[in-house]
Protein backbone atom coordinates (compact mmCIF):
# COMPACT_ATOMS: atom_id res chain seq x y z
CA GLN A 1 0.15 0.08 0.30
CA LEU A 2 1.38 3.25 -0.82
CA ARG A 3 3.00 5.45 1.88
CA LEU A 4 4.17 9.19 1.19
CA VAL A 5 5.48 10.83 4.46
CA GLU A 6 6.55 13.92 4.25
CA SER A 7 9.22 16.60 6.64
CA GLY A 8 10.84 19.44 6.74
CA GLY A 9 8.25 21.95 7.11
CA GLY A 10 8.49 24.48 9.72
CA LEU A 11 8.60 28.64 9.75
CA VAL A 12 11.01 30.52 7.63
CA GLN A 13 11.92 34.28 7.56
CA PRO A 14 11.27 35.28 3.81
CA GLY A 15 14.41 35.32 2.31
CA GLY A 16 14.72 31.94 3.52
CA SER A 17 15.30 28.50 2.15
CA LEU A 18 13.82 25.05 3.12
CA ARG A 19 14.40 21.37 2.21
CA LEU A 20 11.32 18.93 2.30
CA SER A 21 11.98 15.23 1.79
CA CYS A 22 9.02 12.53 1.52
CA ALA A 23 9.85 9.04 2.15
CA ALA A 24 7.97 6.41 0.70
CA SER A 25 7.16 2.94 0.86
CA GLY A 26 4.83 0.18 -0.12
CA PHE A 27 5.48 0.82 -4.07
CA ASN A 28 8.67 0.80 -6.27
CA LEU A 29 9.31 4.35 -6.28
CA SER A 30 11.91 3.91 -9.20
CA LEU A 31 9.13 2.93 -11.63
CA TYR A 32 6.96 6.12 -11.30
CA ALA A 33 7.19 9.66 -12.05
CA VAL A 34 6.60 11.58 -8.33
CA GLY A 35 6.26 15.58 -7.39
CA TRP A 36 5.15 18.04 -4.85
CA PHE A 37 2.03 19.76 -4.76
CA ARG A 38 1.02 22.50 -2.15
CA GLN A 39 -2.12 24.30 -1.35
CA ALA A 40 -2.36 27.52 0.59
CA PRO A 41 -5.53 28.36 2.64
CA GLY A 42 -8.66 29.33 0.72
CA ARG A 43 -6.91 27.80 -2.91
CA GLU A 44 -7.07 25.47 -5.22
CA ALA A 45 -3.78 23.16 -4.65
CA GLU A 46 -1.41 23.63 -6.97
CA GLN A 47 1.36 21.20 -9.12
CA ILE A 48 5.02 23.14 -8.42
CA ALA A 49 7.85 20.32 -9.27
CA ILE A 50 7.64 16.77 -11.21
CA ILE A 51 10.59 15.05 -11.49
CA GLY A 52 10.79 11.80 -14.18
CA PRO A 53 11.05 7.82 -12.72
CA ASP A 54 15.59 7.94 -13.35
CA GLY A 55 15.45 11.78 -12.31
CA GLY A 56 16.56 12.86 -16.12
CA SER A 57 13.70 15.28 -16.22
CA THR A 58 12.26 17.71 -14.08
CA TRP A 59 9.30 20.54 -14.36
CA TYR A 60 8.86 23.73 -12.10
CA SER A 61 5.25 25.67 -12.37
CA ARG A 62 6.02 29.22 -12.91
CA SER A 63 5.44 29.89 -9.11
CA VAL A 64 8.78 28.24 -8.17
CA ILE A 65 11.01 27.81 -11.28
CA GLY A 66 14.39 29.22 -10.77
CA ARG A 67 14.78 28.82 -7.50
CA SER A 68 13.17 25.14 -6.65
CA THR A 69 15.08 22.18 -7.31
CA ILE A 70 13.50 18.90 -7.06
CA ALA A 71 15.46 15.91 -6.76
CA ARG A 72 15.02 11.92 -5.86
CA GLU A 73 17.42 9.16 -4.06
CA ASN A 74 15.74 5.99 -5.63
CA ALA A 75 18.11 3.73 -3.30
CA LYS A 76 16.91 5.72 -0.45
CA ASN A 77 13.11 5.81 -1.83
CA THR A 78 12.99 9.67 -1.03
CA LEU A 79 11.78 12.46 -2.94
CA TYR A 80 13.13 15.96 -2.42
CA LEU A 81 11.95 19.57 -2.32
CA GLN A 82 14.45 22.65 -2.40
CA ILE A 83 12.85 26.08 -2.04
CA ASN A 84 14.92 29.26 -1.99
CA SER A 85 13.96 33.23 -1.46
CA LEU A 86 10.72 31.94 0.18
CA LYS A 87 7.64 34.34 0.34
CA PRO A 88 4.91 34.61 2.54
CA ASP A 89 3.08 33.29 -0.80
CA ASP A 90 4.90 29.96 -0.55
CA THR A 91 3.47 29.89 3.09
CA ALA A 92 1.08 26.49 2.20
CA HIS A 93 0.77 22.42 3.00
CA TYR A 94 3.51 20.75 1.11
CA TYR A 95 2.24 17.06 -0.32
CA CYS A 96 4.36 14.65 -2.21
CA ALA A 97 2.87 12.96 -4.76
CA ARG A 98 3.27 9.67 -7.09
CA GLY A 99 2.56 10.20 -10.23
CA GLY A 100 3.20 12.93 -13.31
CA LYS A 101 1.07 15.88 -13.87
CA GLY A 102 -2.28 15.79 -12.43
CA ALA A 103 -1.78 13.62 -9.86
CA SER A 104 -4.47 11.71 -7.73
CA ARG A 105 -5.48 13.31 -4.67
CA GLU A 106 -5.12 9.69 -3.08
CA ASP A 107 -1.62 9.39 -4.03
CA TRP A 108 -0.48 12.29 -1.97
CA GLY A 109 0.64 12.17 1.42
CA GLN A 110 -0.57 13.68 4.42
CA GLY A 111 1.58 16.87 3.81
CA THR A 112 3.71 18.90 5.82
CA GLN A 113 2.95 22.57 6.89
CA VAL A 114 5.35 25.85 5.68
CA ILE A 115 4.90 28.81 6.76
CA VAL A 116 6.94 31.88 5.40
CA SER A 117 6.85 34.79 8.22
CA SER A 118 9.15 37.45 9.98
């Protein structure tokens, strides 16, 4: 059974950086594209990054491109998301997900909260 557990969220000052991790279990991570969504209070969920099964291809949303890096370590069953130059608008719950564009909510983790505030 698929299980995704995010960690690394917290309170960060504007301009700071954060590295989120996602531990995957219950499936063979190396066979799937995986990525990250986020959802801010009162807003729709936004897919922000995707990485291909072997890490060779990546995609980023306009909102994070240029200041984010998605990475994976299949041998450790772990997915990462580094976000730099954090802004208050980055405040949201962040979820890792199995699958590419439009991954089903059923394939998301429980999320980790990121608050960007001074």
